[in-house]
Amino acid sequence: PFNIDHDAYWTLRGDAAQFDHRRSKQASPPRDIPQIKLRPVL
């Protein structure tokens, strides 16, 4: 006797898609950090 657990596959697909969706919202290329500098004052 052999049965496929379709629900487990659909859950796995949904979890992977949800993970991918969360990651795509946060995806942005890194930017340089603003630099603190000194400037002479007359």
PDB file of all heavy atoms in Angstrom:
ATOM      1  N   PRO A   1       0.850  -1.202   0.000  1.00  0.00           N
ATOM      2  CA  PRO A   1       0.000   0.000   0.000  1.00  0.00           C
ATOM      3  C   PRO A   1       0.886   1.251   0.000  1.00  0.00           C
ATOM      4  O   PRO A   1       1.831   1.354   0.769  1.00  0.00           O
ATOM      5  CB  PRO A   1      -0.797  -0.120   1.289  1.00  0.00           C
ATOM      6  CG  PRO A   1      -0.073  -1.091   2.147  1.00  0.00           C
ATOM      7  CD  PRO A   1       0.732  -1.960   1.246  1.00  0.00           C
ATOM      8  N   PHE A   2       0.577   2.152  -0.869  1.00  0.00           N
ATOM      9  CA  PHE A   2       1.376   3.367  -1.003  1.00  0.00           C
ATOM     10  C   PHE A   2       0.434   4.530  -1.276  1.00  0.00           C
ATOM     11  O   PHE A   2      -0.421   4.461  -2.151  1.00  0.00           O
ATOM     12  CB  PHE A   2       2.371   3.203  -2.172  1.00  0.00           C
ATOM     13  CG  PHE A   2       3.259   4.388  -2.364  1.00  0.00           C
ATOM     14  CD1 PHE A   2       4.335   4.613  -1.517  1.00  0.00           C
ATOM     15  CD2 PHE A   2       3.037   5.287  -3.406  1.00  0.00           C
ATOM     16  CE1 PHE A   2       5.165   5.709  -1.699  1.00  0.00           C
ATOM     17  CE2 PHE A   2       3.862   6.368  -3.595  1.00  0.00           C
ATOM     18  CZ  PHE A   2       4.938   6.583  -2.739  1.00  0.00           C
ATOM     19  N   ASN A   3       0.582   5.582  -0.513  1.00  0.00           N
ATOM     20  CA  ASN A   3      -0.222   6.793  -0.707  1.00  0.00           C
ATOM     21  C   ASN A   3       0.701   8.004  -0.757  1.00  0.00           C
ATOM     22  O   ASN A   3       1.651   8.108   0.019  1.00  0.00           O
ATOM     23  CB  ASN A   3      -1.213   6.988   0.447  1.00  0.00           C
ATOM     24  CG  ASN A   3      -2.343   5.984   0.405  1.00  0.00           C
ATOM     25  OD1 ASN A   3      -2.780   5.597  -0.675  1.00  0.00           O
ATOM     26  ND2 ASN A   3      -2.781   5.557   1.570  1.00  0.00           N
ATOM     27  N   ILE A   4       0.376   8.899  -1.621  1.00  0.00           N
ATOM     28  CA  ILE A   4       1.127  10.152  -1.721  1.00  0.00           C
ATOM     29  C   ILE A   4       0.475  11.150  -0.784  1.00  0.00           C
ATOM     30  O   ILE A   4      -0.741  11.313  -0.789  1.00  0.00           O
ATOM     31  CB  ILE A   4       1.103  10.701  -3.154  1.00  0.00           C
ATOM     32  CG1 ILE A   4       1.730   9.693  -4.115  1.00  0.00           C
ATOM     33  CG2 ILE A   4       1.822  12.029  -3.226  1.00  0.00           C
ATOM     34  CD1 ILE A   4       1.594  10.091  -5.555  1.00  0.00           C
ATOM     35  N   ASP A   5       1.301  11.839  -0.019  1.00  0.00           N
ATOM     36  CA  ASP A   5       0.801  12.878   0.887  1.00  0.00           C
ATOM     37  C   ASP A   5       0.804  14.211   0.140  1.00  0.00           C
ATOM     38  O   ASP A   5       1.740  15.005   0.233  1.00  0.00           O
ATOM     39  CB  ASP A   5       1.674  12.947   2.142  1.00  0.00           C
ATOM     40  CG  ASP A   5       1.076  13.835   3.216  1.00  0.00           C
ATOM     41  OD1 ASP A   5      -0.029  14.382   3.005  1.00  0.00           O
ATOM     42  OD2 ASP A   5       1.725  13.983   4.269  1.00  0.00           O
ATOM     43  N   HIS A   6      -0.270  14.432  -0.623  1.00  0.00           N
ATOM     44  CA  HIS A   6      -0.365  15.652  -1.435  1.00  0.00           C
ATOM     45  C   HIS A   6      -0.376  16.908  -0.565  1.00  0.00           C
ATOM     46  O   HIS A   6       0.200  17.933  -0.944  1.00  0.00           O
ATOM     47  CB  HIS A   6      -1.623  15.620  -2.319  1.00  0.00           C
ATOM     48  CG  HIS A   6      -1.583  14.577  -3.377  1.00  0.00           C
ATOM     49  ND1 HIS A   6      -0.806  14.703  -4.497  1.00  0.00           N
ATOM     50  CD2 HIS A   6      -2.224  13.386  -3.490  1.00  0.00           C
ATOM     51  CE1 HIS A   6      -0.961  13.638  -5.267  1.00  0.00           C
ATOM     52  NE2 HIS A   6      -1.816  12.815  -4.669  1.00  0.00           N
ATOM     53  N   ASP A   7      -1.018  16.820   0.598  1.00  0.00           N
ATOM     54  CA  ASP A   7      -1.088  17.998   1.475  1.00  0.00           C
ATOM     55  C   ASP A   7       0.307  18.458   1.924  1.00  0.00           C
ATOM     56  O   ASP A   7       0.574  19.656   2.002  1.00  0.00           O
ATOM     57  CB  ASP A   7      -1.948  17.691   2.710  1.00  0.00           C
ATOM     58  CG  ASP A   7      -3.420  17.497   2.340  1.00  0.00           C
ATOM     59  OD1 ASP A   7      -3.836  18.050   1.300  1.00  0.00           O
ATOM     60  OD2 ASP A   7      -4.127  16.797   3.099  1.00  0.00           O
ATOM     61  N   ALA A   8       1.184  17.503   2.209  1.00  0.00           N
ATOM     62  CA  ALA A   8       2.540  17.861   2.636  1.00  0.00           C
ATOM     63  C   ALA A   8       3.272  18.592   1.507  1.00  0.00           C
ATOM     64  O   ALA A   8       3.990  19.573   1.761  1.00  0.00           O
ATOM     65  CB  ALA A   8       3.314  16.618   3.036  1.00  0.00           C
ATOM     66  N   TYR A   9       3.083  18.156   0.288  1.00  0.00           N
ATOM     67  CA  TYR A   9       3.739  18.835  -0.833  1.00  0.00           C
ATOM     68  C   TYR A   9       3.179  20.232  -1.044  1.00  0.00           C
ATOM     69  O   TYR A   9       3.920  21.170  -1.313  1.00  0.00           O
ATOM     70  CB  TYR A   9       3.628  18.006  -2.121  1.00  0.00           C
ATOM     71  CG  TYR A   9       4.584  16.846  -2.127  1.00  0.00           C
ATOM     72  CD1 TYR A   9       4.135  15.541  -1.961  1.00  0.00           C
ATOM     73  CD2 TYR A   9       5.943  17.049  -2.290  1.00  0.00           C
ATOM     74  CE1 TYR A   9       5.006  14.471  -1.956  1.00  0.00           C
ATOM     75  CE2 TYR A   9       6.827  15.988  -2.289  1.00  0.00           C
ATOM     76  CZ  TYR A   9       6.348  14.704  -2.115  1.00  0.00           C
ATOM     77  OH  TYR A   9       7.224  13.661  -2.110  1.00  0.00           O
ATOM     78  N   TRP A  10       1.860  20.370  -0.919  1.00  0.00           N
ATOM     79  CA  TRP A  10       1.260  21.694  -1.081  1.00  0.00           C
ATOM     80  C   TRP A  10       1.698  22.623   0.054  1.00  0.00           C
ATOM     81  O   TRP A  10       1.943  23.809  -0.174  1.00  0.00           O
ATOM     82  CB  TRP A  10      -0.261  21.601  -1.157  1.00  0.00           C
ATOM     83  CG  TRP A  10      -0.711  21.036  -2.465  1.00  0.00           C
ATOM     84  CD1 TRP A  10      -1.276  19.821  -2.685  1.00  0.00           C
ATOM     85  CD2 TRP A  10      -0.597  21.657  -3.750  1.00  0.00           C
ATOM     86  NE1 TRP A  10      -1.514  19.631  -4.025  1.00  0.00           N
ATOM     87  CE2 TRP A  10      -1.111  20.756  -4.704  1.00  0.00           C
ATOM     88  CE3 TRP A  10      -0.103  22.873  -4.200  1.00  0.00           C
ATOM     89  CZ2 TRP A  10      -1.149  21.042  -6.061  1.00  0.00           C
ATOM     90  CZ3 TRP A  10      -0.139  23.157  -5.546  1.00  0.00           C
ATOM     91  CH2 TRP A  10      -0.656  22.239  -6.466  1.00  0.00           C
ATOM     92  N   THR A  11       1.826  22.081   1.248  1.00  0.00           N
ATOM     93  CA  THR A  11       2.315  22.886   2.373  1.00  0.00           C
ATOM     94  C   THR A  11       3.759  23.307   2.134  1.00  0.00           C
ATOM     95  O   THR A  11       4.122  24.467   2.366  1.00  0.00           O
ATOM     96  CB  THR A  11       2.212  22.082   3.687  1.00  0.00           C
ATOM     97  OG1 THR A  11       0.864  21.673   3.881  1.00  0.00           O
ATOM     98  CG2 THR A  11       2.675  22.894   4.873  1.00  0.00           C
ATOM     99  N   LEU A  12       4.587  22.387   1.672  1.00  0.00           N
ATOM    100  CA  LEU A  12       5.978  22.703   1.373  1.00  0.00           C
ATOM    101  C   LEU A  12       6.077  23.774   0.283  1.00  0.00           C
ATOM    102  O   LEU A  12       6.860  24.725   0.400  1.00  0.00           O
ATOM    103  CB  LEU A  12       6.737  21.441   0.944  1.00  0.00           C
ATOM    104  CG  LEU A  12       8.212  21.611   0.620  1.00  0.00           C
ATOM    105  CD1 LEU A  12       8.972  22.092   1.852  1.00  0.00           C
ATOM    106  CD2 LEU A  12       8.798  20.297   0.128  1.00  0.00           C
ATOM    107  N   ARG A  13       5.279  23.644  -0.744  1.00  0.00           N
ATOM    108  CA  ARG A  13       5.253  24.652  -1.817  1.00  0.00           C
ATOM    109  C   ARG A  13       4.847  26.018  -1.272  1.00  0.00           C
ATOM    110  O   ARG A  13       5.448  27.037  -1.611  1.00  0.00           O
ATOM    111  CB  ARG A  13       4.251  24.244  -2.885  1.00  0.00           C
ATOM    112  CG  ARG A  13       4.828  23.562  -4.037  1.00  0.00           C
ATOM    113  CD  ARG A  13       3.747  23.431  -5.072  1.00  0.00           C
ATOM    114  NE  ARG A  13       4.297  22.877  -6.273  1.00  0.00           N
ATOM    115  CZ  ARG A  13       3.573  22.489  -7.280  1.00  0.00           C
ATOM    116  NH1 ARG A  13       2.258  22.593  -7.230  1.00  0.00           N
ATOM    117  NH2 ARG A  13       4.135  21.998  -8.361  1.00  0.00           N
ATOM    118  N   GLY A  14       3.791  26.020  -0.460  1.00  0.00           N
ATOM    119  CA  GLY A  14       3.311  27.284   0.120  1.00  0.00           C
ATOM    120  C   GLY A  14       4.344  27.930   1.019  1.00  0.00           C
ATOM    121  O   GLY A  14       4.556  29.154   0.967  1.00  0.00           O
ATOM    122  N   ASP A  15       5.020  27.102   1.846  1.00  0.00           N
ATOM    123  CA  ASP A  15       6.060  27.644   2.729  1.00  0.00           C
ATOM    124  C   ASP A  15       7.222  28.218   1.921  1.00  0.00           C
ATOM    125  O   ASP A  15       7.736  29.302   2.235  1.00  0.00           O
ATOM    126  CB  ASP A  15       6.581  26.558   3.670  1.00  0.00           C
ATOM    127  CG  ASP A  15       5.555  26.155   4.722  1.00  0.00           C
ATOM    128  OD1 ASP A  15       4.547  26.877   4.881  1.00  0.00           O
ATOM    129  OD2 ASP A  15       5.768  25.101   5.365  1.00  0.00           O
ATOM    130  N   ALA A  16       7.623  27.517   0.882  1.00  0.00           N
ATOM    131  CA  ALA A  16       8.728  27.998   0.044  1.00  0.00           C
ATOM    132  C   ALA A  16       8.335  29.284  -0.682  1.00  0.00           C
ATOM    133  O   ALA A  16       9.134  30.222  -0.782  1.00  0.00           O
ATOM    134  CB  ALA A  16       9.138  26.936  -0.960  1.00  0.00           C
ATOM    135  N   ALA A  17       7.100  29.339  -1.163  1.00  0.00           N
ATOM    136  CA  ALA A  17       6.645  30.547  -1.854  1.00  0.00           C
ATOM    137  C   ALA A  17       6.554  31.721  -0.878  1.00  0.00           C
ATOM    138  O   ALA A  17       6.909  32.857  -1.221  1.00  0.00           O
ATOM    139  CB  ALA A  17       5.287  30.302  -2.507  1.00  0.00           C
ATOM    140  N   GLN A  18       6.091  31.445   0.338  1.00  0.00           N
ATOM    141  CA  GLN A  18       5.991  32.500   1.347  1.00  0.00           C
ATOM    142  C   GLN A  18       7.392  33.002   1.721  1.00  0.00           C
ATOM    143  O   GLN A  18       7.601  34.203   1.841  1.00  0.00           O
ATOM    144  CB  GLN A  18       5.268  31.978   2.584  1.00  0.00           C
ATOM    145  CG  GLN A  18       5.007  33.027   3.629  1.00  0.00           C
ATOM    146  CD  GLN A  18       4.274  32.459   4.833  1.00  0.00           C
ATOM    147  OE1 GLN A  18       4.164  31.253   4.987  1.00  0.00           O
ATOM    148  NE2 GLN A  18       3.792  33.336   5.678  1.00  0.00           N
ATOM    149  N   PHE A  19       8.326  32.083   1.882  1.00  0.00           N
ATOM    150  CA  PHE A  19       9.708  32.463   2.172  1.00  0.00           C
ATOM    151  C   PHE A  19      10.269  33.317   1.044  1.00  0.00           C
ATOM    152  O   PHE A  19      10.883  34.348   1.270  1.00  0.00           O
ATOM    153  CB  PHE A  19      10.557  31.208   2.370  1.00  0.00           C
ATOM    154  CG  PHE A  19      12.016  31.499   2.570  1.00  0.00           C
ATOM    155  CD1 PHE A  19      12.486  31.917   3.799  1.00  0.00           C
ATOM    156  CD2 PHE A  19      12.919  31.349   1.518  1.00  0.00           C
ATOM    157  CE1 PHE A  19      13.828  32.184   3.984  1.00  0.00           C
ATOM    158  CE2 PHE A  19      14.256  31.617   1.700  1.00  0.00           C
ATOM    159  CZ  PHE A  19      14.717  32.036   2.937  1.00  0.00           C
ATOM    160  N   ASP A  20      10.031  32.903  -0.173  1.00  0.00           N
ATOM    161  CA  ASP A  20      10.515  33.637  -1.338  1.00  0.00           C
ATOM    162  C   ASP A  20       9.884  35.020  -1.406  1.00  0.00           C
ATOM    163  O   ASP A  20      10.542  36.002  -1.728  1.00  0.00           O
ATOM    164  CB  ASP A  20      10.222  32.837  -2.610  1.00  0.00           C
ATOM    165  CG  ASP A  20      10.978  33.366  -3.805  1.00  0.00           C
ATOM    166  OD1 ASP A  20      12.147  33.775  -3.631  1.00  0.00           O
ATOM    167  OD2 ASP A  20      10.409  33.377  -4.909  1.00  0.00           O
ATOM    168  N   HIS A  21       8.589  35.108  -1.082  1.00  0.00           N
ATOM    169  CA  HIS A  21       7.881  36.389  -1.125  1.00  0.00           C
ATOM    170  C   HIS A  21       8.450  37.341  -0.063  1.00  0.00           C
ATOM    171  O   HIS A  21       8.662  38.522  -0.339  1.00  0.00           O
ATOM    172  CB  HIS A  21       6.377  36.166  -0.899  1.00  0.00           C
ATOM    173  CG  HIS A  21       5.574  37.419  -0.909  1.00  0.00           C
ATOM    174  ND1 HIS A  21       5.413  38.182  -2.043  1.00  0.00           N
ATOM    175  CD2 HIS A  21       4.897  38.046   0.075  1.00  0.00           C
ATOM    176  CE1 HIS A  21       4.667  39.225  -1.754  1.00  0.00           C
ATOM    177  NE2 HIS A  21       4.337  39.167  -0.471  1.00  0.00           N
ATOM    178  N   ARG A  22       8.708  36.831   1.140  1.00  0.00           N
ATOM    179  CA  ARG A  22       9.278  37.675   2.194  1.00  0.00           C
ATOM    180  C   ARG A  22      10.666  38.148   1.812  1.00  0.00           C
ATOM    181  O   ARG A  22      11.022  39.296   2.050  1.00  0.00           O
ATOM    182  CB  ARG A  22       9.349  36.916   3.522  1.00  0.00           C
ATOM    183  CG  ARG A  22       8.059  36.948   4.296  1.00  0.00           C
ATOM    184  CD  ARG A  22       8.254  36.344   5.649  1.00  0.00           C
ATOM    185  NE  ARG A  22       8.308  34.890   5.478  1.00  0.00           N
ATOM    186  CZ  ARG A  22       8.845  34.059   6.327  1.00  0.00           C
ATOM    187  NH1 ARG A  22       9.386  34.486   7.421  1.00  0.00           N
ATOM    188  NH2 ARG A  22       8.853  32.761   6.091  1.00  0.00           N
ATOM    189  N   ARG A  23      11.460  37.280   1.231  1.00  0.00           N
ATOM    190  CA  ARG A  23      12.815  37.646   0.852  1.00  0.00           C
ATOM    191  C   ARG A  23      12.817  38.674  -0.271  1.00  0.00           C
ATOM    192  O   ARG A  23      13.645  39.563  -0.303  1.00  0.00           O
ATOM    193  CB  ARG A  23      13.618  36.409   0.424  1.00  0.00           C
ATOM    194  CG  ARG A  23      13.781  35.348   1.472  1.00  0.00           C
ATOM    195  CD  ARG A  23      14.441  35.832   2.713  1.00  0.00           C
ATOM    196  NE  ARG A  23      15.809  36.219   2.461  1.00  0.00           N
ATOM    197  CZ  ARG A  23      16.561  36.887   3.315  1.00  0.00           C
ATOM    198  NH1 ARG A  23      16.088  37.224   4.472  1.00  0.00           N
ATOM    199  NH2 ARG A  23      17.790  37.200   3.018  1.00  0.00           N
ATOM    200  N   SER A  24      11.857  38.559  -1.205  1.00  0.00           N
ATOM    201  CA  SER A  24      11.847  39.501  -2.329  1.00  0.00           C
ATOM    202  C   SER A  24      11.451  40.896  -1.863  1.00  0.00           C
ATOM    203  O   SER A  24      11.861  41.882  -2.464  1.00  0.00           O
ATOM    204  CB  SER A  24      10.905  39.009  -3.426  1.00  0.00           C
ATOM    205  OG  SER A  24       9.569  39.006  -2.967  1.00  0.00           O
ATOM    206  N   LYS A  25      10.662  40.993  -0.800  1.00  0.00           N
ATOM    207  CA  LYS A  25      10.319  42.314  -0.271  1.00  0.00           C
ATOM    208  C   LYS A  25      11.541  43.008   0.305  1.00  0.00           C
ATOM    209  O   LYS A  25      11.677  44.216   0.223  1.00  0.00           O
ATOM    210  CB  LYS A  25       9.260  42.188   0.837  1.00  0.00           C
ATOM    211  CG  LYS A  25       7.864  41.993   0.346  1.00  0.00           C
ATOM    212  CD  LYS A  25       6.906  41.993   1.509  1.00  0.00           C
ATOM    213  CE  LYS A  25       5.486  41.818   1.038  1.00  0.00           C
ATOM    214  NZ  LYS A  25       4.542  41.765   2.166  1.00  0.00           N
ATOM    215  N   GLN A  26      12.443  42.235   0.918  1.00  0.00           N
ATOM    216  CA  GLN A  26      13.620  42.802   1.553  1.00  0.00           C
ATOM    217  C   GLN A  26      14.781  42.974   0.583  1.00  0.00           C
ATOM    218  O   GLN A  26      15.773  43.589   0.932  1.00  0.00           O
ATOM    219  CB  GLN A  26      14.069  41.887   2.698  1.00  0.00           C
ATOM    220  CG  GLN A  26      13.042  41.735   3.782  1.00  0.00           C
ATOM    221  CD  GLN A  26      13.441  40.661   4.784  1.00  0.00           C
ATOM    222  OE1 GLN A  26      14.411  39.941   4.600  1.00  0.00           O
ATOM    223  NE2 GLN A  26      12.670  40.541   5.842  1.00  0.00           N
ATOM    224  N   ALA A  27      14.665  42.444  -0.592  1.00  0.00           N
ATOM    225  CA  ALA A  27      15.787  42.447  -1.532  1.00  0.00           C
ATOM    226  C   ALA A  27      16.042  43.846  -2.064  1.00  0.00           C
ATOM    227  O   ALA A  27      15.190  44.435  -2.702  1.00  0.00           O
ATOM    228  CB  ALA A  27      15.513  41.493  -2.685  1.00  0.00           C
ATOM    229  N   SER A  28      17.193  44.358  -1.766  1.00  0.00           N
ATOM    230  CA  SER A  28      17.658  45.607  -2.356  1.00  0.00           C
ATOM    231  C   SER A  28      19.180  45.582  -2.293  1.00  0.00           C
ATOM    232  O   SER A  28      19.752  45.126  -1.312  1.00  0.00           O
ATOM    233  CB  SER A  28      17.117  46.815  -1.590  1.00  0.00           C
ATOM    234  OG  SER A  28      17.606  46.827  -0.271  1.00  0.00           O
ATOM    235  N   PRO A  29      19.794  46.050  -3.342  1.00  0.00           N
ATOM    236  CA  PRO A  29      21.255  46.002  -3.351  1.00  0.00           C
ATOM    237  C   PRO A  29      21.830  46.896  -2.251  1.00  0.00           C
ATOM    238  O   PRO A  29      21.233  47.908  -1.894  1.00  0.00           O
ATOM    239  CB  PRO A  29      21.622  46.520  -4.739  1.00  0.00           C
ATOM    240  CG  PRO A  29      20.418  47.165  -5.269  1.00  0.00           C
ATOM    241  CD  PRO A  29      19.243  46.616  -4.543  1.00  0.00           C
ATOM    242  N   PRO A  30      22.970  46.527  -1.710  1.00  0.00           N
ATOM    243  CA  PRO A  30      23.559  47.319  -0.624  1.00  0.00           C
ATOM    244  C   PRO A  30      24.037  48.680  -1.118  1.00  0.00           C
ATOM    245  O   PRO A  30      24.498  48.820  -2.243  1.00  0.00           O
ATOM    246  CB  PRO A  30      24.732  46.464  -0.154  1.00  0.00           C
ATOM    247  CG  PRO A  30      25.053  45.584  -1.294  1.00  0.00           C
ATOM    248  CD  PRO A  30      23.767  45.360  -2.037  1.00  0.00           C
ATOM    249  N   ARG A  31      23.878  49.649  -0.254  1.00  0.00           N
ATOM    250  CA  ARG A  31      24.357  51.004  -0.555  1.00  0.00           C
ATOM    251  C   ARG A  31      25.527  51.305   0.367  1.00  0.00           C
ATOM    252  O   ARG A  31      25.682  50.706   1.411  1.00  0.00           O
ATOM    253  CB  ARG A  31      23.243  52.018  -0.300  1.00  0.00           C
ATOM    254  CG  ARG A  31      22.013  51.811  -1.146  1.00  0.00           C
ATOM    255  CD  ARG A  31      20.953  52.864  -0.853  1.00  0.00           C
ATOM    256  NE  ARG A  31      20.720  53.096   0.551  1.00  0.00           N
ATOM    257  CZ  ARG A  31      19.806  52.483   1.285  1.00  0.00           C
ATOM    258  NH1 ARG A  31      19.033  51.586   0.755  1.00  0.00           N
ATOM    259  NH2 ARG A  31      19.660  52.760   2.563  1.00  0.00           N
ATOM    260  N   ASP A  32      26.302  52.285  -0.035  1.00  0.00           N
ATOM    261  CA  ASP A  32      27.391  52.706   0.837  1.00  0.00           C
ATOM    262  C   ASP A  32      26.818  53.471   2.018  1.00  0.00           C
ATOM    263  O   ASP A  32      25.781  54.131   1.910  1.00  0.00           O
ATOM    264  CB  ASP A  32      28.368  53.609   0.082  1.00  0.00           C
ATOM    265  CG  ASP A  32      29.238  52.818  -0.876  1.00  0.00           C
ATOM    266  OD1 ASP A  32      29.365  51.592  -0.673  1.00  0.00           O
ATOM    267  OD2 ASP A  32      29.774  53.428  -1.809  1.00  0.00           O
ATOM    268  N   ILE A  33      27.495  53.380   3.119  1.00  0.00           N
ATOM    269  CA  ILE A  33      27.090  54.058   4.337  1.00  0.00           C
ATOM    270  C   ILE A  33      27.542  55.514   4.253  1.00  0.00           C
ATOM    271  O   ILE A  33      28.656  55.794   3.792  1.00  0.00           O
ATOM    272  CB  ILE A  33      27.756  53.382   5.563  1.00  0.00           C
ATOM    273  CG1 ILE A  33      27.399  51.906   5.614  1.00  0.00           C
ATOM    274  CG2 ILE A  33      27.386  54.082   6.853  1.00  0.00           C
ATOM    275  CD1 ILE A  33      25.947  51.622   5.763  1.00  0.00           C
ATOM    276  N   PRO A  34      26.710  56.456   4.691  1.00  0.00           N
ATOM    277  CA  PRO A  34      27.169  57.851   4.708  1.00  0.00           C
ATOM    278  C   PRO A  34      28.412  58.002   5.580  1.00  0.00           C
ATOM    279  O   PRO A  34      28.533  57.366   6.626  1.00  0.00           O
ATOM    280  CB  PRO A  34      25.989  58.612   5.325  1.00  0.00           C
ATOM    281  CG  PRO A  34      24.819  57.722   5.164  1.00  0.00           C
ATOM    282  CD  PRO A  34      25.342  56.321   5.149  1.00  0.00           C
ATOM    283  N   GLN A  35      29.319  58.818   5.137  1.00  0.00           N
ATOM    284  CA  GLN A  35      30.587  59.013   5.845  1.00  0.00           C
ATOM    285  C   GLN A  35      30.529  60.281   6.702  1.00  0.00           C
ATOM    286  O   GLN A  35      30.001  61.304   6.275  1.00  0.00           O
ATOM    287  CB  GLN A  35      31.727  59.163   4.837  1.00  0.00           C
ATOM    288  CG  GLN A  35      31.946  57.957   3.963  1.00  0.00           C
ATOM    289  CD  GLN A  35      32.592  56.829   4.737  1.00  0.00           C
ATOM    290  OE1 GLN A  35      33.501  57.032   5.512  1.00  0.00           O
ATOM    291  NE2 GLN A  35      32.087  55.626   4.532  1.00  0.00           N
ATOM    292  N   ILE A  36      31.095  60.191   7.897  1.00  0.00           N
ATOM    293  CA  ILE A  36      31.240  61.367   8.752  1.00  0.00           C
ATOM    294  C   ILE A  36      32.610  61.950   8.458  1.00  0.00           C
ATOM    295  O   ILE A  36      33.618  61.255   8.526  1.00  0.00           O
ATOM    296  CB  ILE A  36      31.103  60.992  10.237  1.00  0.00           C
ATOM    297  CG1 ILE A  36      29.705  60.464  10.509  1.00  0.00           C
ATOM    298  CG2 ILE A  36      31.417  62.198  11.114  1.00  0.00           C
ATOM    299  CD1 ILE A  36      29.503  59.952  11.911  1.00  0.00           C
ATOM    300  N   LYS A  37      32.622  63.221   8.123  1.00  0.00           N
ATOM    301  CA  LYS A  37      33.867  63.877   7.732  1.00  0.00           C
ATOM    302  C   LYS A  37      34.056  65.150   8.543  1.00  0.00           C
ATOM    303  O   LYS A  37      33.128  65.648   9.174  1.00  0.00           O
ATOM    304  CB  LYS A  37      33.832  64.253   6.239  1.00  0.00           C
ATOM    305  CG  LYS A  37      33.596  63.107   5.298  1.00  0.00           C
ATOM    306  CD  LYS A  37      34.883  62.489   4.898  1.00  0.00           C
ATOM    307  CE  LYS A  37      34.598  61.388   3.886  1.00  0.00           C
ATOM    308  NZ  LYS A  37      35.720  61.040   3.118  1.00  0.00           N
ATOM    309  N   LEU A  38      35.267  65.662   8.488  1.00  0.00           N
ATOM    310  CA  LEU A  38      35.598  66.949   9.099  1.00  0.00           C
ATOM    311  C   LEU A  38      35.854  67.966   8.011  1.00  0.00           C
ATOM    312  O   LEU A  38      36.442  67.660   6.986  1.00  0.00           O
ATOM    313  CB  LEU A  38      36.860  66.833   9.955  1.00  0.00           C
ATOM    314  CG  LEU A  38      36.752  66.114  11.279  1.00  0.00           C
ATOM    315  CD1 LEU A  38      38.114  66.032  11.941  1.00  0.00           C
ATOM    316  CD2 LEU A  38      35.776  66.796  12.193  1.00  0.00           C
ATOM    317  N   ARG A  39      35.399  69.171   8.270  1.00  0.00           N
ATOM    318  CA  ARG A  39      35.646  70.258   7.333  1.00  0.00           C
ATOM    319  C   ARG A  39      36.209  71.421   8.153  1.00  0.00           C
ATOM    320  O   ARG A  39      35.658  71.759   9.200  1.00  0.00           O
ATOM    321  CB  ARG A  39      34.333  70.588   6.638  1.00  0.00           C
ATOM    322  CG  ARG A  39      34.176  71.968   6.176  1.00  0.00           C
ATOM    323  CD  ARG A  39      32.926  72.235   5.364  1.00  0.00           C
ATOM    324  NE  ARG A  39      31.687  71.976   6.075  1.00  0.00           N
ATOM    325  CZ  ARG A  39      30.603  71.489   5.494  1.00  0.00           C
ATOM    326  NH1 ARG A  39      30.596  71.198   4.230  1.00  0.00           N
ATOM    327  NH2 ARG A  39      29.506  71.308   6.188  1.00  0.00           N
ATOM    328  N   PRO A  40      37.302  72.020   7.695  1.00  0.00           N
ATOM    329  CA  PRO A  40      37.874  73.137   8.449  1.00  0.00           C
ATOM    330  C   PRO A  40      36.925  74.339   8.459  1.00  0.00           C
ATOM    331  O   PRO A  40      36.185  74.575   7.497  1.00  0.00           O
ATOM    332  CB  PRO A  40      39.159  73.472   7.706  1.00  0.00           C
ATOM    333  CG  PRO A  40      39.125  72.722   6.436  1.00  0.00           C
ATOM    334  CD  PRO A  40      38.050  71.692   6.504  1.00  0.00           C
ATOM    335  N   VAL A  41      36.942  75.033   9.571  1.00  0.00           N
ATOM    336  CA  VAL A  41      36.096  76.219   9.730  1.00  0.00           C
ATOM    337  C   VAL A  41      37.018  77.421   9.893  1.00  0.00           C
ATOM    338  O   VAL A  41      37.932  77.399  10.717  1.00  0.00           O
ATOM    339  CB  VAL A  41      35.185  76.083  10.979  1.00  0.00           C
ATOM    340  CG1 VAL A  41      34.380  77.340  11.193  1.00  0.00           C
ATOM    341  CG2 VAL A  41      34.290  74.885  10.849  1.00  0.00           C
ATOM    342  N   LEU A  42      36.772  78.431   9.122  1.00  0.00           N
ATOM    343  CA  LEU A  42      37.550  79.662   9.250  1.00  0.00           C
ATOM    344  C   LEU A  42      36.907  80.513  10.344  1.00  0.00           C
ATOM    345  O   LEU A  42      35.722  80.816  10.285  1.00  0.00           O
ATOM    346  CB  LEU A  42      37.576  80.420   7.924  1.00  0.00           C
ATOM    347  CG  LEU A  42      38.219  79.669   6.751  1.00  0.00           C
ATOM    348  CD1 LEU A  42      38.078  80.451   5.471  1.00  0.00           C
ATOM    349  CD2 LEU A  42      39.673  79.380   7.046  1.00  0.00           C
TER     350      LEU A  42
END
